[in-house]
Amino acid sequence: MYRLLIRLLRETRGQNLAEYALLLVLVALGAIASVQELACRVNCAFEVAGKALATGKHPPGQSISCNKKC
């Protein structure tokens, strides 16, 4: 039993898999956060364009603000 415990402590074959899994989770969380930010900004741009088309009173060079907090 003692030899088995020593062997398990010294063996590092499964360690790489755990590191890759943690790295994959980190990359996935970063991608989700950036996609949500991008979606919010695109939604805001469409909202501004819709307001400008609906009112028809948007003079060139002036910006319409978005109500969403991105």
PDB file of N, CA and C in Angstrom:
ATOM      1  N   MET A   1       0.816  -1.189   0.000  1.00  0.00           N
ATOM      2  CA  MET A   1       0.000   0.000   0.000  1.00  0.00           C
ATOM      3  C   MET A   1       0.866   1.261   0.000  1.00  0.00           C
ATOM      4  N   TYR A   2       1.944   1.221   0.778  1.00  0.00           N
ATOM      5  CA  TYR A   2       2.854   2.356   0.855  1.00  0.00           C
ATOM      6  C   TYR A   2       3.475   2.648  -0.513  1.00  0.00           C
ATOM      7  N   ARG A   3       3.862   1.590  -1.214  1.00  0.00           N
ATOM      8  CA  ARG A   3       4.464   1.753  -2.550  1.00  0.00           C
ATOM      9  C   ARG A   3       3.474   2.371  -3.534  1.00  0.00           C
ATOM     10  N   LEU A   4       2.215   2.004  -3.422  1.00  0.00           N
ATOM     11  CA  LEU A   4       1.186   2.562  -4.289  1.00  0.00           C
ATOM     12  C   LEU A   4       1.031   4.060  -4.057  1.00  0.00           C
ATOM     13  N   LEU A   5       1.005   4.478  -2.807  1.00  0.00           N
ATOM     14  CA  LEU A   5       0.899   5.908  -2.494  1.00  0.00           C
ATOM     15  C   LEU A   5       2.104   6.694  -3.000  1.00  0.00           C
ATOM     16  N   ILE A   6       3.279   6.161  -2.834  1.00  0.00           N
ATOM     17  CA  ILE A   6       4.491   6.826  -3.321  1.00  0.00           C
ATOM     18  C   ILE A   6       4.455   6.957  -4.839  1.00  0.00           C
ATOM     19  N   ARG A   7       4.038   5.873  -5.506  1.00  0.00           N
ATOM     20  CA  ARG A   7       3.960   5.908  -6.968  1.00  0.00           C
ATOM     21  C   ARG A   7       2.939   6.938  -7.445  1.00  0.00           C
ATOM     22  N   LEU A   8       1.784   7.027  -6.780  1.00  0.00           N
ATOM     23  CA  LEU A   8       0.760   7.995  -7.164  1.00  0.00           C
ATOM     24  C   LEU A   8       1.229   9.428  -6.956  1.00  0.00           C
ATOM     25  N   LEU A   9       1.994   9.677  -5.924  1.00  0.00           N
ATOM     26  CA  LEU A   9       2.500  11.022  -5.670  1.00  0.00           C
ATOM     27  C   LEU A   9       3.563  11.445  -6.680  1.00  0.00           C
ATOM     28  N   ARG A  10       4.334  10.503  -7.164  1.00  0.00           N
ATOM     29  CA  ARG A  10       5.411  10.828  -8.098  1.00  0.00           C
ATOM     30  C   ARG A  10       4.962  10.850  -9.555  1.00  0.00           C
ATOM     31  N   GLU A  11       3.875  10.204  -9.838  1.00  0.00           N
ATOM     32  CA  GLU A  11       3.406  10.098 -11.226  1.00  0.00           C
ATOM     33  C   GLU A  11       2.745  11.415 -11.656  1.00  0.00           C
ATOM     34  N   THR A  12       3.097  11.908 -12.826  1.00  0.00           N
ATOM     35  CA  THR A  12       2.563  13.195 -13.297  1.00  0.00           C
ATOM     36  C   THR A  12       1.866  13.080 -14.653  1.00  0.00           C
ATOM     37  N   ARG A  13       1.490  11.880 -15.063  1.00  0.00           N
ATOM     38  CA  ARG A  13       0.867  11.728 -16.384  1.00  0.00           C
ATOM     39  C   ARG A  13      -0.490  12.423 -16.470  1.00  0.00           C
ATOM     40  N   GLY A  14      -1.311  12.345 -15.449  1.00  0.00           N
ATOM     41  CA  GLY A  14      -2.635  12.949 -15.482  1.00  0.00           C
ATOM     42  C   GLY A  14      -2.626  14.446 -15.217  1.00  0.00           C
ATOM     43  N   GLN A  15      -1.513  14.971 -14.793  1.00  0.00           N
ATOM     44  CA  GLN A  15      -1.411  16.381 -14.458  1.00  0.00           C
ATOM     45  C   GLN A  15      -1.626  17.266 -15.681  1.00  0.00           C
ATOM     46  N   ASN A  16      -1.138  16.892 -16.826  1.00  0.00           N
ATOM     47  CA  ASN A  16      -1.282  17.700 -18.029  1.00  0.00           C
ATOM     48  C   ASN A  16      -2.745  17.847 -18.435  1.00  0.00           C
ATOM     49  N   LEU A  17      -3.517  16.796 -18.284  1.00  0.00           N
ATOM     50  CA  LEU A  17      -4.931  16.839 -18.628  1.00  0.00           C
ATOM     51  C   LEU A  17      -5.666  17.851 -17.755  1.00  0.00           C
ATOM     52  N   ALA A  18      -5.380  17.858 -16.476  1.00  0.00           N
ATOM     53  CA  ALA A  18      -6.015  18.817 -15.571  1.00  0.00           C
ATOM     54  C   ALA A  18      -5.631  20.250 -15.924  1.00  0.00           C
ATOM     55  N   GLU A  19      -4.382  20.477 -16.268  1.00  0.00           N
ATOM     56  CA  GLU A  19      -3.939  21.816 -16.644  1.00  0.00           C
ATOM     57  C   GLU A  19      -4.613  22.283 -17.932  1.00  0.00           C
ATOM     58  N   TYR A  20      -4.737  21.403 -18.899  1.00  0.00           N
ATOM     59  CA  TYR A  20      -5.417  21.759 -20.142  1.00  0.00           C
ATOM     60  C   TYR A  20      -6.899  22.042 -19.901  1.00  0.00           C
ATOM     61  N   ALA A  21      -7.516  21.296 -19.011  1.00  0.00           N
ATOM     62  CA  ALA A  21      -8.930  21.525 -18.696  1.00  0.00           C
ATOM     63  C   ALA A  21      -9.123  22.893 -18.038  1.00  0.00           C
ATOM     64  N   LEU A  22      -8.248  23.250 -17.112  1.00  0.00           N
ATOM     65  CA  LEU A  22      -8.334  24.562 -16.471  1.00  0.00           C
ATOM     66  C   LEU A  22      -8.098  25.687 -17.476  1.00  0.00           C
ATOM     67  N   LEU A  23      -7.155  25.496 -18.368  1.00  0.00           N
ATOM     68  CA  LEU A  23      -6.890  26.495 -19.396  1.00  0.00           C
ATOM     69  C   LEU A  23      -8.086  26.648 -20.337  1.00  0.00           C
ATOM     70  N   LEU A  24      -8.712  25.544 -20.689  1.00  0.00           N
ATOM     71  CA  LEU A  24      -9.890  25.578 -21.548  1.00  0.00           C
ATOM     72  C   LEU A  24     -11.038  26.321 -20.872  1.00  0.00           C
ATOM     73  N   VAL A  25     -11.231  26.101 -19.587  1.00  0.00           N
ATOM     74  CA  VAL A  25     -12.282  26.812 -18.846  1.00  0.00           C
ATOM     75  C   VAL A  25     -11.994  28.309 -18.812  1.00  0.00           C
ATOM     76  N   LEU A  26     -10.749  28.682 -18.598  1.00  0.00           N
ATOM     77  CA  LEU A  26     -10.371  30.093 -18.565  1.00  0.00           C
ATOM     78  C   LEU A  26     -10.623  30.768 -19.910  1.00  0.00           C
ATOM     79  N   VAL A  27     -10.251  30.110 -20.994  1.00  0.00           N
ATOM     80  CA  VAL A  27     -10.475  30.663 -22.330  1.00  0.00           C
ATOM     81  C   VAL A  27     -11.966  30.768 -22.628  1.00  0.00           C
ATOM     82  N   ALA A  28     -12.743  29.769 -22.219  1.00  0.00           N
ATOM     83  CA  ALA A  28     -14.186  29.791 -22.454  1.00  0.00           C
ATOM     84  C   ALA A  28     -14.843  30.939 -21.697  1.00  0.00           C
ATOM     85  N   LEU A  29     -14.447  31.169 -20.455  1.00  0.00           N
ATOM     86  CA  LEU A  29     -15.018  32.280 -19.688  1.00  0.00           C
ATOM     87  C   LEU A  29     -14.669  33.629 -20.311  1.00  0.00           C
ATOM     88  N   GLY A  30     -13.455  33.768 -20.801  1.00  0.00           N
ATOM     89  CA  GLY A  30     -13.063  35.002 -21.485  1.00  0.00           C
ATOM     90  C   GLY A  30     -13.853  35.219 -22.760  1.00  0.00           C
ATOM     91  N   ALA A  31     -14.081  34.153 -23.512  1.00  0.00           N
ATOM     92  CA  ALA A  31     -14.854  34.260 -24.746  1.00  0.00           C
ATOM     93  C   ALA A  31     -16.306  34.631 -24.461  1.00  0.00           C
ATOM     94  N   ILE A  32     -16.884  34.043 -23.433  1.00  0.00           N
ATOM     95  CA  ILE A  32     -18.270  34.355 -23.078  1.00  0.00           C
ATOM     96  C   ILE A  32     -18.400  35.818 -22.670  1.00  0.00           C
ATOM     97  N   ALA A  33     -17.474  36.308 -21.883  1.00  0.00           N
ATOM     98  CA  ALA A  33     -17.529  37.697 -21.443  1.00  0.00           C
ATOM     99  C   ALA A  33     -17.393  38.657 -22.626  1.00  0.00           C
ATOM    100  N   SER A  34     -16.494  38.367 -23.540  1.00  0.00           N
ATOM    101  CA  SER A  34     -16.303  39.272 -24.678  1.00  0.00           C
ATOM    102  C   SER A  34     -17.479  39.220 -25.644  1.00  0.00           C
ATOM    103  N   VAL A  35     -18.086  38.067 -25.820  1.00  0.00           N
ATOM    104  CA  VAL A  35     -19.244  37.959 -26.710  1.00  0.00           C
ATOM    105  C   VAL A  35     -20.437  38.699 -26.119  1.00  0.00           C
ATOM    106  N   GLN A  36     -20.625  38.642 -24.811  1.00  0.00           N
ATOM    107  CA  GLN A  36     -21.709  39.375 -24.178  1.00  0.00           C
ATOM    108  C   GLN A  36     -21.515  40.877 -24.331  1.00  0.00           C
ATOM    109  N   GLU A  37     -20.303  41.345 -24.181  1.00  0.00           N
ATOM    110  CA  GLU A  37     -20.010  42.770 -24.362  1.00  0.00           C
ATOM    111  C   GLU A  37     -20.274  43.190 -25.803  1.00  0.00           C
ATOM    112  N   LEU A  38     -19.843  42.395 -26.744  1.00  0.00           N
ATOM    113  CA  LEU A  38     -20.067  42.691 -28.158  1.00  0.00           C
ATOM    114  C   LEU A  38     -21.556  42.706 -28.483  1.00  0.00           C
ATOM    115  N   ALA A  39     -22.309  41.753 -27.937  1.00  0.00           N
ATOM    116  CA  ALA A  39     -23.746  41.692 -28.192  1.00  0.00           C
ATOM    117  C   ALA A  39     -24.450  42.928 -27.646  1.00  0.00           C
ATOM    118  N   CYS A  40     -24.034  43.396 -26.502  1.00  0.00           N
ATOM    119  CA  CYS A  40     -24.640  44.594 -25.918  1.00  0.00           C
ATOM    120  C   CYS A  40     -24.375  45.816 -26.790  1.00  0.00           C
ATOM    121  N   ARG A  41     -23.160  45.943 -27.277  1.00  0.00           N
ATOM    122  CA  ARG A  41     -22.822  47.102 -28.111  1.00  0.00           C
ATOM    123  C   ARG A  41     -23.533  47.052 -29.472  1.00  0.00           C
ATOM    124  N   VAL A  42     -23.671  45.871 -30.047  1.00  0.00           N
ATOM    125  CA  VAL A  42     -24.385  45.735 -31.315  1.00  0.00           C
ATOM    126  C   VAL A  42     -25.862  46.057 -31.117  1.00  0.00           C
ATOM    127  N   ASN A  43     -26.433  45.578 -30.024  1.00  0.00           N
ATOM    128  CA  ASN A  43     -27.827  45.875 -29.708  1.00  0.00           C
ATOM    129  C   ASN A  43     -28.034  47.375 -29.548  1.00  0.00           C
ATOM    130  N   CYS A  44     -27.105  48.035 -28.897  1.00  0.00           N
ATOM    131  CA  CYS A  44     -27.183  49.485 -28.716  1.00  0.00           C
ATOM    132  C   CYS A  44     -27.103  50.206 -30.063  1.00  0.00           C
ATOM    133  N   ALA A  45     -26.240  49.752 -30.937  1.00  0.00           N
ATOM    134  CA  ALA A  45     -26.119  50.380 -32.254  1.00  0.00           C
ATOM    135  C   ALA A  45     -27.408  50.240 -33.052  1.00  0.00           C
ATOM    136  N   PHE A  46     -28.045  49.067 -32.987  1.00  0.00           N
ATOM    137  CA  PHE A  46     -29.315  48.886 -33.684  1.00  0.00           C
ATOM    138  C   PHE A  46     -30.418  49.743 -33.062  1.00  0.00           C
ATOM    139  N   GLU A  47     -30.384  49.911 -31.746  1.00  0.00           N
ATOM    140  CA  GLU A  47     -31.372  50.759 -31.085  1.00  0.00           C
ATOM    141  C   GLU A  47     -31.231  52.209 -31.541  1.00  0.00           C
ATOM    142  N   VAL A  48     -30.016  52.694 -31.614  1.00  0.00           N
ATOM    143  CA  VAL A  48     -29.762  54.067 -32.066  1.00  0.00           C
ATOM    144  C   VAL A  48     -30.196  54.234 -33.521  1.00  0.00           C
ATOM    145  N   ALA A  49     -29.881  53.261 -34.359  1.00  0.00           N
ATOM    146  CA  ALA A  49     -30.267  53.344 -35.771  1.00  0.00           C
ATOM    147  C   ALA A  49     -31.787  53.306 -35.911  1.00  0.00           C
ATOM    148  N   GLY A  50     -32.448  52.484 -35.103  1.00  0.00           N
ATOM    149  CA  GLY A  50     -33.907  52.412 -35.151  1.00  0.00           C
ATOM    150  C   GLY A  50     -34.552  53.707 -34.723  1.00  0.00           C
ATOM    151  N   LYS A  51     -34.006  54.344 -33.689  1.00  0.00           N
ATOM    152  CA  LYS A  51     -34.539  55.637 -33.246  1.00  0.00           C
ATOM    153  C   LYS A  51     -34.366  56.700 -34.325  1.00  0.00           C
ATOM    154  N   ALA A  52     -33.202  56.700 -34.968  1.00  0.00           N
ATOM    155  CA  ALA A  52     -32.939  57.698 -36.007  1.00  0.00           C
ATOM    156  C   ALA A  52     -33.875  57.501 -37.193  1.00  0.00           C
ATOM    157  N   LEU A  53     -34.139  56.258 -37.559  1.00  0.00           N
ATOM    158  CA  LEU A  53     -35.044  55.997 -38.678  1.00  0.00           C
ATOM    159  C   LEU A  53     -36.494  56.302 -38.319  1.00  0.00           C
ATOM    160  N   ALA A  54     -36.861  56.022 -37.072  1.00  0.00           N
ATOM    161  CA  ALA A  54     -38.250  56.231 -36.656  1.00  0.00           C
ATOM    162  C   ALA A  54     -38.600  57.710 -36.567  1.00  0.00           C
ATOM    163  N   THR A  55     -37.718  58.502 -36.024  1.00  0.00           N
ATOM    164  CA  THR A  55     -38.018  59.927 -35.852  1.00  0.00           C
ATOM    165  C   THR A  55     -37.763  60.706 -37.132  1.00  0.00           C
ATOM    166  N   GLY A  56     -36.733  60.359 -37.838  1.00  0.00           N
ATOM    167  CA  GLY A  56     -36.392  61.071 -39.063  1.00  0.00           C
ATOM    168  C   GLY A  56     -35.866  62.465 -38.806  1.00  0.00           C
ATOM    169  N   LYS A  57     -35.590  62.800 -37.563  1.00  0.00           N
ATOM    170  CA  LYS A  57     -35.132  64.142 -37.207  1.00  0.00           C
ATOM    171  C   LYS A  57     -33.681  64.151 -36.739  1.00  0.00           C
ATOM    172  N   HIS A  58     -32.929  63.219 -37.167  1.00  0.00           N
ATOM    173  CA  HIS A  58     -31.540  63.109 -36.717  1.00  0.00           C
ATOM    174  C   HIS A  58     -30.630  63.860 -37.686  1.00  0.00           C
ATOM    175  N   PRO A  59     -30.171  65.041 -37.297  1.00  0.00           N
ATOM    176  CA  PRO A  59     -29.269  65.779 -38.184  1.00  0.00           C
ATOM    177  C   PRO A  59     -27.900  65.110 -38.258  1.00  0.00           C
ATOM    178  N   PRO A  60     -27.270  65.204 -39.391  1.00  0.00           N
ATOM    179  CA  PRO A  60     -25.940  64.573 -39.544  1.00  0.00           C
ATOM    180  C   PRO A  60     -24.923  65.186 -38.570  1.00  0.00           C
ATOM    181  N   GLY A  61     -24.058  64.364 -38.070  1.00  0.00           N
ATOM    182  CA  GLY A  61     -22.992  64.831 -37.183  1.00  0.00           C
ATOM    183  C   GLY A  61     -23.362  64.798 -35.717  1.00  0.00           C
ATOM    184  N   GLN A  62     -24.605  64.573 -35.370  1.00  0.00           N
ATOM    185  CA  GLN A  62     -25.002  64.485 -33.973  1.00  0.00           C
ATOM    186  C   GLN A  62     -25.270  63.037 -33.617  1.00  0.00           C
ATOM    187  N   SER A  63     -24.958  62.684 -32.388  1.00  0.00           N
ATOM    188  CA  SER A  63     -25.148  61.293 -31.988  1.00  0.00           C
ATOM    189  C   SER A  63     -26.382  61.160 -31.113  1.00  0.00           C
ATOM    190  N   ILE A  64     -27.004  60.002 -31.187  1.00  0.00           N
ATOM    191  CA  ILE A  64     -28.119  59.653 -30.329  1.00  0.00           C
ATOM    192  C   ILE A  64     -27.580  58.661 -29.312  1.00  0.00           C
ATOM    193  N   SER A  65     -27.881  58.888 -28.045  1.00  0.00           N
ATOM    194  CA  SER A  65     -27.346  57.993 -27.025  1.00  0.00           C
ATOM    195  C   SER A  65     -28.235  56.761 -26.860  1.00  0.00           C
ATOM    196  N   CYS A  66     -27.617  55.714 -26.381  1.00  0.00           N
ATOM    197  CA  CYS A  66     -28.296  54.462 -26.127  1.00  0.00           C
ATOM    198  C   CYS A  66     -28.685  54.396 -24.647  1.00  0.00           C
ATOM    199  N   ASN A  67     -29.817  53.788 -24.344  1.00  0.00           N
ATOM    200  CA  ASN A  67     -30.282  53.691 -22.959  1.00  0.00           C
ATOM    201  C   ASN A  67     -29.653  52.534 -22.203  1.00  0.00           C
ATOM    202  N   LYS A  68     -28.996  51.641 -22.866  1.00  0.00           N
ATOM    203  CA  LYS A  68     -28.431  50.449 -22.224  1.00  0.00           C
ATOM    204  C   LYS A  68     -27.058  50.758 -21.627  1.00  0.00           C
ATOM    205  N   LYS A  69     -26.768  50.085 -20.521  1.00  0.00           N
ATOM    206  CA  LYS A  69     -25.437  50.187 -19.904  1.00  0.00           C
ATOM    207  C   LYS A  69     -24.639  48.946 -20.283  1.00  0.00           C
ATOM    208  N   CYS A  70     -23.686  49.111 -21.143  1.00  0.00           N
ATOM    209  CA  CYS A  70     -22.870  47.978 -21.583  1.00  0.00           C
ATOM    210  C   CYS A  70     -21.652  47.815 -20.710  1.00  0.00           C
TER     211      CYS A  70
END
